[in-house]
């Protein structure tokens, strides 16, 4: 999780594919509060969610360690320790579960 803060670093995510949609008109996504690393068939994803549970960006990585390094680079000094979420927690409950259990 990202600690609550009013100080946001330079790194922000925007909608769309960077090679196509980058520029002054890019829609900047909301600031995340919950980070999730998920191993999938096509790689490891670092997903970001707002406090309200809305998507706030995602990135693909070759390994869990690489995803953790990316999170550290983006949110240096703002991260709490990584925690494991039980597999029975579905995507709809993920942010609420994380904030109530760990936040």
PDB file of N, CA and C in Angstrom:
ATOM      1  N   UNK A   1       0.832  -1.172   0.000  1.00  0.00           N
ATOM      2  CA  UNK A   1       0.000   0.000   0.000  1.00  0.00           C
ATOM      3  C   UNK A   1       0.878   1.237   0.000  1.00  0.00           C
ATOM      4  N   UNK A   2       0.303   2.296  -0.479  1.00  0.00           N
ATOM      5  CA  UNK A   2       0.963   3.587  -0.457  1.00  0.00           C
ATOM      6  C   UNK A   2       0.404   4.369   0.726  1.00  0.00           C
ATOM      7  N   UNK A   3       1.285   4.900   1.536  1.00  0.00           N
ATOM      8  CA  UNK A   3       0.834   5.695   2.680  1.00  0.00           C
ATOM      9  C   UNK A   3       0.068   6.914   2.188  1.00  0.00           C
ATOM     10  N   UNK A   4      -0.970   7.334   2.915  1.00  0.00           N
ATOM     11  CA  UNK A   4      -1.704   8.540   2.515  1.00  0.00           C
ATOM     12  C   UNK A   4      -0.764   9.744   2.547  1.00  0.00           C
ATOM     13  N   UNK A   5      -0.796  10.537   1.509  1.00  0.00           N
ATOM     14  CA  UNK A   5       0.074  11.702   1.438  1.00  0.00           C
ATOM     15  C   UNK A   5      -0.481  12.716   0.451  1.00  0.00           C
ATOM     16  N   UNK A   6      -0.139  13.953   0.675  1.00  0.00           N
ATOM     17  CA  UNK A   6      -0.482  14.999  -0.288  1.00  0.00           C
ATOM     18  C   UNK A   6       0.687  15.277  -1.218  1.00  0.00           C
ATOM     19  N   UNK A   7       1.822  14.639  -0.953  1.00  0.00           N
ATOM     20  CA  UNK A   7       3.010  14.829  -1.783  1.00  0.00           C
ATOM     21  C   UNK A   7       3.072  13.686  -2.784  1.00  0.00           C
ATOM     22  N   UNK A   8       2.978  14.008  -4.054  1.00  0.00           N
ATOM     23  CA  UNK A   8       2.999  12.990  -5.099  1.00  0.00           C
ATOM     24  C   UNK A   8       4.238  13.178  -5.955  1.00  0.00           C
ATOM     25  N   UNK A   9       4.998  12.105  -6.177  1.00  0.00           N
ATOM     26  CA  UNK A   9       6.200  12.241  -6.995  1.00  0.00           C
ATOM     27  C   UNK A   9       5.868  12.503  -8.460  1.00  0.00           C
ATOM     28  N   UNK A  10       6.901  12.726  -9.242  1.00  0.00           N
ATOM     29  CA  UNK A  10       6.742  13.042 -10.665  1.00  0.00           C
ATOM     30  C   UNK A  10       6.042  11.938 -11.453  1.00  0.00           C
ATOM     31  N   UNK A  11       6.262  10.688 -11.087  1.00  0.00           N
ATOM     32  CA  UNK A  11       5.733   9.568 -11.853  1.00  0.00           C
ATOM     33  C   UNK A  11       4.213   9.501 -11.747  1.00  0.00           C
ATOM     34  N   UNK A  12       3.530   9.577 -12.881  1.00  0.00           N
ATOM     35  CA  UNK A  12       2.070   9.462 -12.935  1.00  0.00           C
ATOM     36  C   UNK A  12       1.716   8.602 -14.132  1.00  0.00           C
ATOM     37  N   UNK A  13       0.581   7.958 -14.094  1.00  0.00           N
ATOM     38  CA  UNK A  13       0.134   7.104 -15.186  1.00  0.00           C
ATOM     39  C   UNK A  13      -0.963   7.801 -15.973  1.00  0.00           C
ATOM     40  N   UNK A  14      -1.015   7.490 -17.262  1.00  0.00           N
ATOM     41  CA  UNK A  14      -2.049   8.070 -18.114  1.00  0.00           C
ATOM     42  C   UNK A  14      -2.755   6.964 -18.871  1.00  0.00           C
ATOM     43  N   UNK A  15      -3.934   7.284 -19.386  1.00  0.00           N
ATOM     44  CA  UNK A  15      -4.738   6.328 -20.141  1.00  0.00           C
ATOM     45  C   UNK A  15      -4.131   6.098 -21.518  1.00  0.00           C
ATOM     46  N   UNK A  16      -4.265   4.874 -22.036  1.00  0.00           N
ATOM     47  CA  UNK A  16      -3.845   4.583 -23.404  1.00  0.00           C
ATOM     48  C   UNK A  16      -2.436   4.023 -23.475  1.00  0.00           C
ATOM     49  N   UNK A  17      -1.977   3.808 -24.693  1.00  0.00           N
ATOM     50  CA  UNK A  17      -0.648   3.288 -24.944  1.00  0.00           C
ATOM     51  C   UNK A  17       0.323   4.450 -25.096  1.00  0.00           C
ATOM     52  N   UNK A  18       1.417   4.449 -24.354  1.00  0.00           N
ATOM     53  CA  UNK A  18       2.332   5.593 -24.371  1.00  0.00           C
ATOM     54  C   UNK A  18       2.832   5.977 -25.758  1.00  0.00           C
ATOM     55  N   UNK A  19       3.155   5.003 -26.594  1.00  0.00           N
ATOM     56  CA  UNK A  19       3.701   5.334 -27.905  1.00  0.00           C
ATOM     57  C   UNK A  19       2.680   6.002 -28.824  1.00  0.00           C
ATOM     58  N   UNK A  20       1.402   5.926 -28.464  1.00  0.00           N
ATOM     59  CA  UNK A  20       0.354   6.530 -29.283  1.00  0.00           C
ATOM     60  C   UNK A  20      -0.248   7.755 -28.607  1.00  0.00           C
ATOM     61  N   UNK A  21      -0.538   7.653 -27.318  1.00  0.00           N
ATOM     62  CA  UNK A  21      -1.353   8.645 -26.629  1.00  0.00           C
ATOM     63  C   UNK A  21      -0.587   9.613 -25.740  1.00  0.00           C
ATOM     64  N   UNK A  22       0.711   9.591 -25.791  1.00  0.00           N
ATOM     65  CA  UNK A  22       1.483  10.481 -24.921  1.00  0.00           C
ATOM     66  C   UNK A  22       1.361  11.921 -25.401  1.00  0.00           C
ATOM     67  N   UNK A  23       1.414  12.842 -24.507  1.00  0.00           N
ATOM     68  CA  UNK A  23       1.342  14.242 -24.905  1.00  0.00           C
ATOM     69  C   UNK A  23       0.513  15.062 -23.954  1.00  0.00           C
ATOM     70  N   UNK A  24       0.331  16.307 -24.305  1.00  0.00           N
ATOM     71  CA  UNK A  24      -0.364  17.257 -23.439  1.00  0.00           C
ATOM     72  C   UNK A  24      -1.821  16.880 -23.212  1.00  0.00           C
ATOM     73  N   UNK A  25      -2.419  16.160 -24.156  1.00  0.00           N
ATOM     74  CA  UNK A  25      -3.830  15.802 -24.028  1.00  0.00           C
ATOM     75  C   UNK A  25      -4.054  14.466 -23.320  1.00  0.00           C
ATOM     76  N   UNK A  26      -2.987  13.820 -22.858  1.00  0.00           N
ATOM     77  CA  UNK A  26      -3.127  12.521 -22.189  1.00  0.00           C
ATOM     78  C   UNK A  26      -3.938  12.691 -20.904  1.00  0.00           C
ATOM     79  N   UNK A  27      -4.839  11.761 -20.672  1.00  0.00           N
ATOM     80  CA  UNK A  27      -5.654  11.791 -19.452  1.00  0.00           C
ATOM     81  C   UNK A  27      -4.875  11.150 -18.314  1.00  0.00           C
ATOM     82  N   UNK A  28      -4.495  11.948 -17.325  1.00  0.00           N
ATOM     83  CA  UNK A  28      -3.730  11.465 -16.184  1.00  0.00           C
ATOM     84  C   UNK A  28      -4.671  10.710 -15.239  1.00  0.00           C
ATOM     85  N   UNK A  29      -4.226   9.528 -14.825  1.00  0.00           N
ATOM     86  CA  UNK A  29      -5.038   8.701 -13.934  1.00  0.00           C
ATOM     87  C   UNK A  29      -4.905   9.198 -12.496  1.00  0.00           C
ATOM     88  N   UNK A  30      -5.874   8.854 -11.672  1.00  0.00           N
ATOM     89  CA  UNK A  30      -5.895   9.265 -10.267  1.00  0.00           C
ATOM     90  C   UNK A  30      -4.731   8.645  -9.502  1.00  0.00           C
ATOM     91  N   UNK A  31      -4.414   9.264  -8.388  1.00  0.00           N
ATOM     92  CA  UNK A  31      -3.331   8.790  -7.537  1.00  0.00           C
ATOM     93  C   UNK A  31      -3.729   7.468  -6.874  1.00  0.00           C
ATOM     94  N   UNK A  32      -2.853   6.453  -6.918  1.00  0.00           N
ATOM     95  CA  UNK A  32      -3.186   5.157  -6.312  1.00  0.00           C
ATOM     96  C   UNK A  32      -2.964   5.134  -4.808  1.00  0.00           C
ATOM     97  N   UNK A  33      -3.631   4.208  -4.172  1.00  0.00           N
ATOM     98  CA  UNK A  33      -3.438   3.961  -2.735  1.00  0.00           C
ATOM     99  C   UNK A  33      -3.074   2.513  -2.491  1.00  0.00           C
ATOM    100  N   UNK A  34      -3.546   1.613  -3.376  1.00  0.00           N
ATOM    101  CA  UNK A  34      -3.294   0.182  -3.227  1.00  0.00           C
ATOM    102  C   UNK A  34      -2.549  -0.314  -4.463  1.00  0.00           C
ATOM    103  N   UNK A  35      -1.462  -1.051  -4.225  1.00  0.00           N
ATOM    104  CA  UNK A  35      -0.706  -1.688  -5.301  1.00  0.00           C
ATOM    105  C   UNK A  35      -0.865  -3.191  -5.168  1.00  0.00           C
ATOM    106  N   UNK A  36      -1.036  -3.856  -6.298  1.00  0.00           N
ATOM    107  CA  UNK A  36      -1.196  -5.309  -6.317  1.00  0.00           C
ATOM    108  C   UNK A  36      -0.231  -5.875  -7.342  1.00  0.00           C
ATOM    109  N   UNK A  37       0.527  -6.880  -6.929  1.00  0.00           N
ATOM    110  CA  UNK A  37       1.373  -7.608  -7.871  1.00  0.00           C
ATOM    111  C   UNK A  37       0.718  -8.954  -8.100  1.00  0.00           C
ATOM    112  N   UNK A  38       0.454  -9.237  -9.373  1.00  0.00           N
ATOM    113  CA  UNK A  38      -0.225 -10.488  -9.729  1.00  0.00           C
ATOM    114  C   UNK A  38       0.549 -11.200 -10.829  1.00  0.00           C
ATOM    115  N   UNK A  39       0.841 -12.484 -10.578  1.00  0.00           N
ATOM    116  CA  UNK A  39       1.488 -13.307 -11.598  1.00  0.00           C
ATOM    117  C   UNK A  39       0.406 -13.913 -12.483  1.00  0.00           C
ATOM    118  N   UNK A  40       0.514 -13.666 -13.790  1.00  0.00           N
ATOM    119  CA  UNK A  40      -0.443 -14.182 -14.770  1.00  0.00           C
ATOM    120  C   UNK A  40       0.309 -14.972 -15.826  1.00  0.00           C
ATOM    121  N   UNK A  41      -0.436 -15.623 -16.718  1.00  0.00           N
ATOM    122  CA  UNK A  41       0.193 -16.411 -17.778  1.00  0.00           C
ATOM    123  C   UNK A  41       1.117 -15.578 -18.651  1.00  0.00           C
ATOM    124  N   UNK A  42       0.764 -14.317 -18.876  1.00  0.00           N
ATOM    125  CA  UNK A  42       1.532 -13.472 -19.790  1.00  0.00           C
ATOM    126  C   UNK A  42       2.496 -12.522 -19.074  1.00  0.00           C
ATOM    127  N   UNK A  43       2.813 -12.812 -17.823  1.00  0.00           N
ATOM    128  CA  UNK A  43       3.794 -12.010 -17.099  1.00  0.00           C
ATOM    129  C   UNK A  43       3.316 -11.609 -15.723  1.00  0.00           C
ATOM    130  N   UNK A  44       4.058 -10.716 -15.127  1.00  0.00           N
ATOM    131  CA  UNK A  44       3.747 -10.202 -13.796  1.00  0.00           C
ATOM    132  C   UNK A  44       3.257  -8.769 -13.965  1.00  0.00           C
ATOM    133  N   UNK A  45       2.151  -8.447 -13.317  1.00  0.00           N
ATOM    134  CA  UNK A  45       1.562  -7.119 -13.449  1.00  0.00           C
ATOM    135  C   UNK A  45       1.558  -6.403 -12.110  1.00  0.00           C
ATOM    136  N   UNK A  46       1.942  -5.143 -12.167  1.00  0.00           N
ATOM    137  CA  UNK A  46       1.824  -4.251 -11.023  1.00  0.00           C
ATOM    138  C   UNK A  46       0.608  -3.381 -11.297  1.00  0.00           C
ATOM    139  N   UNK A  47      -0.481  -3.674 -10.585  1.00  0.00           N
ATOM    140  CA  UNK A  47      -1.738  -2.947 -10.757  1.00  0.00           C
ATOM    141  C   UNK A  47      -1.872  -1.921  -9.640  1.00  0.00           C
ATOM    142  N   UNK A  48      -2.402  -0.775  -9.987  1.00  0.00           N
ATOM    143  CA  UNK A  48      -2.591   0.311  -9.044  1.00  0.00           C
ATOM    144  C   UNK A  48      -4.079   0.651  -8.954  1.00  0.00           C
ATOM    145  N   UNK A  49      -4.562   0.910  -7.727  1.00  0.00           N
ATOM    146  CA  UNK A  49      -5.970   1.245  -7.507  1.00  0.00           C
ATOM    147  C   UNK A  49      -6.074   2.457  -6.586  1.00  0.00           C
ATOM    148  N   UNK A  50      -7.086   3.270  -6.830  1.00  0.00           N
ATOM    149  CA  UNK A  50      -7.350   4.404  -5.948  1.00  0.00           C
ATOM    150  C   UNK A  50      -7.961   3.903  -4.644  1.00  0.00           C
ATOM    151  N   UNK A  51      -8.078   4.788  -3.689  1.00  0.00           N
ATOM    152  CA  UNK A  51      -8.719   4.461  -2.410  1.00  0.00           C
ATOM    153  C   UNK A  51     -10.160   3.985  -2.627  1.00  0.00           C
ATOM    154  N   UNK A  52     -10.794   4.466  -3.693  1.00  0.00           N
ATOM    155  CA  UNK A  52     -12.182   4.101  -4.002  1.00  0.00           C
ATOM    156  C   UNK A  52     -12.279   2.819  -4.829  1.00  0.00           C
ATOM    157  N   UNK A  53     -11.146   2.223  -5.196  1.00  0.00           N
ATOM    158  CA  UNK A  53     -11.162   0.970  -5.940  1.00  0.00           C
ATOM    159  C   UNK A  53     -11.105   1.116  -7.452  1.00  0.00           C
ATOM    160  N   UNK A  54     -10.895   2.338  -7.937  1.00  0.00           N
ATOM    161  CA  UNK A  54     -10.815   2.570  -9.382  1.00  0.00           C
ATOM    162  C   UNK A  54      -9.400   2.281  -9.884  1.00  0.00           C
ATOM    163  N   UNK A  55      -9.259   1.734 -11.093  1.00  0.00           N
ATOM    164  CA  UNK A  55      -7.928   1.490 -11.649  1.00  0.00           C
ATOM    165  C   UNK A  55      -7.142   2.800 -11.768  1.00  0.00           C
ATOM    166  N   UNK A  56      -5.842   2.726 -11.445  1.00  0.00           N
ATOM    167  CA  UNK A  56      -4.984   3.912 -11.503  1.00  0.00           C
ATOM    168  C   UNK A  56      -3.665   3.592 -12.208  1.00  0.00           C
ATOM    169  N   UNK A  57      -3.699   2.609 -13.105  1.00  0.00           N
ATOM    170  CA  UNK A  57      -2.520   2.272 -13.894  1.00  0.00           C
ATOM    171  C   UNK A  57      -2.059   0.845 -13.669  1.00  0.00           C
ATOM    172  N   UNK A  58      -1.345   0.335 -14.652  1.00  0.00           N
ATOM    173  CA  UNK A  58      -0.739  -0.981 -14.525  1.00  0.00           C
ATOM    174  C   UNK A  58       0.511  -1.035 -15.394  1.00  0.00           C
ATOM    175  N   UNK A  59       1.430  -1.900 -15.007  1.00  0.00           N
ATOM    176  CA  UNK A  59       2.640  -2.114 -15.793  1.00  0.00           C
ATOM    177  C   UNK A  59       2.977  -3.596 -15.804  1.00  0.00           C
ATOM    178  N   UNK A  60       3.567  -4.036 -16.922  1.00  0.00           N
ATOM    179  CA  UNK A  60       3.986  -5.428 -17.095  1.00  0.00           C
ATOM    180  C   UNK A  60       5.432  -5.561 -16.652  1.00  0.00           C
ATOM    181  N   UNK A  61       5.749  -6.713 -16.043  1.00  0.00           N
ATOM    182  CA  UNK A  61       7.121  -6.981 -15.591  1.00  0.00           C
ATOM    183  C   UNK A  61       7.455  -8.453 -15.819  1.00  0.00           C
ATOM    184  N   UNK A  62       8.746  -8.730 -15.909  1.00  0.00           N
ATOM    185  CA  UNK A  62       9.215 -10.097 -16.137  1.00  0.00           C
ATOM    186  C   UNK A  62       9.239 -10.912 -14.853  1.00  0.00           C
ATOM    187  N   UNK A  63       9.260 -10.261 -13.691  1.00  0.00           N
ATOM    188  CA  UNK A  63       9.327 -10.983 -12.416  1.00  0.00           C
ATOM    189  C   UNK A  63       8.676 -10.163 -11.308  1.00  0.00           C
ATOM    190  N   UNK A  64       8.389 -10.827 -10.205  1.00  0.00           N
ATOM    191  CA  UNK A  64       7.835 -10.151  -9.033  1.00  0.00           C
ATOM    192  C   UNK A  64       8.848  -9.139  -8.495  1.00  0.00           C
ATOM    193  N   UNK A  65      10.110  -9.523  -8.458  1.00  0.00           N
ATOM    194  CA  UNK A  65      11.138  -8.601  -7.962  1.00  0.00           C
ATOM    195  C   UNK A  65      11.220  -7.341  -8.820  1.00  0.00           C
ATOM    196  N   UNK A  66      11.091  -7.501 -10.126  1.00  0.00           N
ATOM    197  CA  UNK A  66      11.107  -6.346 -11.024  1.00  0.00           C
ATOM    198  C   UNK A  66       9.904  -5.429 -10.747  1.00  0.00           C
ATOM    199  N   UNK A  67       8.732  -6.020 -10.504  1.00  0.00           N
ATOM    200  CA  UNK A  67       7.533  -5.230 -10.186  1.00  0.00           C
ATOM    201  C   UNK A  67       7.720  -4.479  -8.863  1.00  0.00           C
ATOM    202  N   UNK A  68       8.309  -5.135  -7.874  1.00  0.00           N
ATOM    203  CA  UNK A  68       8.571  -4.472  -6.595  1.00  0.00           C
ATOM    204  C   UNK A  68       9.571  -3.328  -6.771  1.00  0.00           C
ATOM    205  N   UNK A  69      10.586  -3.546  -7.597  1.00  0.00           N
ATOM    206  CA  UNK A  69      11.560  -2.483  -7.865  1.00  0.00           C
ATOM    207  C   UNK A  69      10.887  -1.280  -8.528  1.00  0.00           C
ATOM    208  N   UNK A  70       9.976  -1.552  -9.466  1.00  0.00           N
ATOM    209  CA  UNK A  70       9.247  -0.474 -10.143  1.00  0.00           C
ATOM    210  C   UNK A  70       8.422   0.327  -9.132  1.00  0.00           C
ATOM    211  N   UNK A  71       7.721  -0.388  -8.250  1.00  0.00           N
ATOM    212  CA  UNK A  71       6.916   0.280  -7.224  1.00  0.00           C
ATOM    213  C   UNK A  71       7.803   1.133  -6.323  1.00  0.00           C
ATOM    214  N   UNK A  72       8.950   0.611  -5.949  1.00  0.00           N
ATOM    215  CA  UNK A  72       9.874   1.370  -5.100  1.00  0.00           C
ATOM    216  C   UNK A  72      10.365   2.624  -5.812  1.00  0.00           C
ATOM    217  N   UNK A  73      10.660   2.500  -7.109  1.00  0.00           N
ATOM    218  CA  UNK A  73      11.108   3.660  -7.882  1.00  0.00           C
ATOM    219  C   UNK A  73      10.026   4.739  -7.957  1.00  0.00           C
ATOM    220  N   UNK A  74       8.784   4.316  -8.150  1.00  0.00           N
ATOM    221  CA  UNK A  74       7.683   5.271  -8.305  1.00  0.00           C
ATOM    222  C   UNK A  74       7.246   5.899  -6.990  1.00  0.00           C
ATOM    223  N   UNK A  75       7.249   5.115  -5.919  1.00  0.00           N
ATOM    224  CA  UNK A  75       6.662   5.562  -4.654  1.00  0.00           C
ATOM    225  C   UNK A  75       7.670   5.500  -3.512  1.00  0.00           C
ATOM    226  N   UNK A  76       8.905   5.864  -3.797  1.00  0.00           N
ATOM    227  CA  UNK A  76      10.003   5.806  -2.847  1.00  0.00           C
ATOM    228  C   UNK A  76       9.625   6.464  -1.519  1.00  0.00           C
ATOM    229  N   UNK A  77       9.770   5.701  -0.449  1.00  0.00           N
ATOM    230  CA  UNK A  77       9.484   6.212   0.877  1.00  0.00           C
ATOM    231  C   UNK A  77       8.023   6.227   1.267  1.00  0.00           C
ATOM    232  N   UNK A  78       7.130   5.867   0.350  1.00  0.00           N
ATOM    233  CA  UNK A  78       5.692   5.909   0.644  1.00  0.00           C
ATOM    234  C   UNK A  78       5.069   4.524   0.791  1.00  0.00           C
ATOM    235  N   UNK A  79       5.818   3.462   0.500  1.00  0.00           N
ATOM    236  CA  UNK A  79       5.252   2.120   0.516  1.00  0.00           C
ATOM    237  C   UNK A  79       5.270   1.509   1.910  1.00  0.00           C
ATOM    238  N   UNK A  80       4.233   0.753   2.212  1.00  0.00           N
ATOM    239  CA  UNK A  80       4.245  -0.084   3.400  1.00  0.00           C
ATOM    240  C   UNK A  80       4.843  -1.424   2.981  1.00  0.00           C
ATOM    241  N   UNK A  81       4.984  -2.343   3.921  1.00  0.00           N
ATOM    242  CA  UNK A  81       5.493  -3.668   3.578  1.00  0.00           C
ATOM    243  C   UNK A  81       4.490  -4.399   2.690  1.00  0.00           C
ATOM    244  N   UNK A  82       5.005  -5.241   1.803  1.00  0.00           N
ATOM    245  CA  UNK A  82       4.131  -6.049   0.947  1.00  0.00           C
ATOM    246  C   UNK A  82       3.441  -7.105   1.787  1.00  0.00           C
ATOM    247  N   UNK A  83       2.161  -7.315   1.543  1.00  0.00           N
ATOM    248  CA  UNK A  83       1.362  -8.324   2.253  1.00  0.00           C
ATOM    249  C   UNK A  83       0.698  -9.238   1.217  1.00  0.00           C
ATOM    250  N   UNK A  84       0.470 -10.479   1.612  1.00  0.00           N
ATOM    251  CA  UNK A  84      -0.218 -11.418   0.732  1.00  0.00           C
ATOM    252  C   UNK A  84      -1.726 -11.352   0.988  1.00  0.00           C
ATOM    253  N   UNK A  85      -2.483 -11.280  -0.091  1.00  0.00           N
ATOM    254  CA  UNK A  85      -3.943 -11.256  -0.002  1.00  0.00           C
ATOM    255  C   UNK A  85      -4.438 -12.682  -0.226  1.00  0.00           C
ATOM    256  N   UNK A  86      -5.315 -13.183   0.645  1.00  0.00           N
ATOM    257  CA  UNK A  86      -5.827 -14.541   0.464  1.00  0.00           C
ATOM    258  C   UNK A  86      -6.481 -14.718  -0.910  1.00  0.00           C
ATOM    259  N   UNK A  87      -6.299 -15.880  -1.536  1.00  0.00           N
ATOM    260  CA  UNK A  87      -6.827 -16.094  -2.890  1.00  0.00           C
ATOM    261  C   UNK A  87      -8.351 -16.005  -2.990  1.00  0.00           C
ATOM    262  N   UNK A  88      -9.057 -16.176  -1.889  1.00  0.00           N
ATOM    263  CA  UNK A  88     -10.526 -16.114  -1.946  1.00  0.00           C
ATOM    264  C   UNK A  88     -11.042 -14.676  -2.042  1.00  0.00           C
ATOM    265  N   UNK A  89     -10.183 -13.693  -1.863  1.00  0.00           N
ATOM    266  CA  UNK A  89     -10.594 -12.292  -1.996  1.00  0.00           C
ATOM    267  C   UNK A  89     -10.661 -11.961  -3.480  1.00  0.00           C
ATOM    268  N   UNK A  90     -11.848 -11.645  -3.949  1.00  0.00           N
ATOM    269  CA  UNK A  90     -12.056 -11.331  -5.364  1.00  0.00           C
ATOM    270  C   UNK A  90     -11.654  -9.908  -5.692  1.00  0.00           C
ATOM    271  N   UNK A  91     -11.605  -9.606  -6.965  1.00  0.00           N
ATOM    272  CA  UNK A  91     -11.152  -8.279  -7.396  1.00  0.00           C
ATOM    273  C   UNK A  91     -12.065  -7.165  -6.889  1.00  0.00           C
ATOM    274  N   UNK A  92     -13.370  -7.441  -6.725  1.00  0.00           N
ATOM    275  CA  UNK A  92     -14.291  -6.405  -6.250  1.00  0.00           C
ATOM    276  C   UNK A  92     -14.025  -6.032  -4.790  1.00  0.00           C
ATOM    277  N   UNK A  93     -13.533  -6.976  -4.004  1.00  0.00           N
ATOM    278  CA  UNK A  93     -13.295  -6.744  -2.581  1.00  0.00           C
ATOM    279  C   UNK A  93     -11.846  -6.380  -2.273  1.00  0.00           C
ATOM    280  N   UNK A  94     -10.993  -6.444  -3.251  1.00  0.00           N
ATOM    281  CA  UNK A  94      -9.546  -6.325  -3.038  1.00  0.00           C
ATOM    282  C   UNK A  94      -9.136  -5.037  -2.336  1.00  0.00           C
ATOM    283  N   UNK A  95      -9.556  -3.902  -2.836  1.00  0.00           N
ATOM    284  CA  UNK A  95      -9.143  -2.629  -2.253  1.00  0.00           C
ATOM    285  C   UNK A  95      -9.726  -2.468  -0.850  1.00  0.00           C
ATOM    286  N   UNK A  96     -11.017  -2.747  -0.690  1.00  0.00           N
ATOM    287  CA  UNK A  96     -11.638  -2.637   0.631  1.00  0.00           C
ATOM    288  C   UNK A  96     -10.938  -3.557   1.629  1.00  0.00           C
ATOM    289  N   UNK A  97     -10.687  -4.804   1.240  1.00  0.00           N
ATOM    290  CA  UNK A  97     -10.001  -5.754   2.105  1.00  0.00           C
ATOM    291  C   UNK A  97      -8.629  -5.216   2.507  1.00  0.00           C
ATOM    292  N   UNK A  98      -7.883  -4.754   1.525  1.00  0.00           N
ATOM    293  CA  UNK A  98      -6.527  -4.275   1.775  1.00  0.00           C
ATOM    294  C   UNK A  98      -6.527  -3.084   2.720  1.00  0.00           C
ATOM    295  N   UNK A  99      -7.391  -2.128   2.481  1.00  0.00           N
ATOM    296  CA  UNK A  99      -7.428  -0.931   3.332  1.00  0.00           C
ATOM    297  C   UNK A  99      -7.894  -1.239   4.754  1.00  0.00           C
ATOM    298  N   UNK A 100      -8.857  -2.153   4.910  1.00  0.00           N
ATOM    299  CA  UNK A 100      -9.356  -2.454   6.251  1.00  0.00           C
ATOM    300  C   UNK A 100      -8.400  -3.378   7.012  1.00  0.00           C
ATOM    301  N   UNK A 101      -7.745  -4.295   6.329  1.00  0.00           N
ATOM    302  CA  UNK A 101      -6.855  -5.227   7.006  1.00  0.00           C
ATOM    303  C   UNK A 101      -5.452  -4.668   7.247  1.00  0.00           C
ATOM    304  N   UNK A 102      -4.961  -3.889   6.311  1.00  0.00           N
ATOM    305  CA  UNK A 102      -3.563  -3.456   6.368  1.00  0.00           C
ATOM    306  C   UNK A 102      -3.387  -1.948   6.471  1.00  0.00           C
ATOM    307  N   UNK A 103      -4.462  -1.185   6.245  1.00  0.00           N
ATOM    308  CA  UNK A 103      -4.324   0.262   6.157  1.00  0.00           C
ATOM    309  C   UNK A 103      -4.613   0.961   7.422  1.00  0.00           C
TER     310      UNK A 103
END
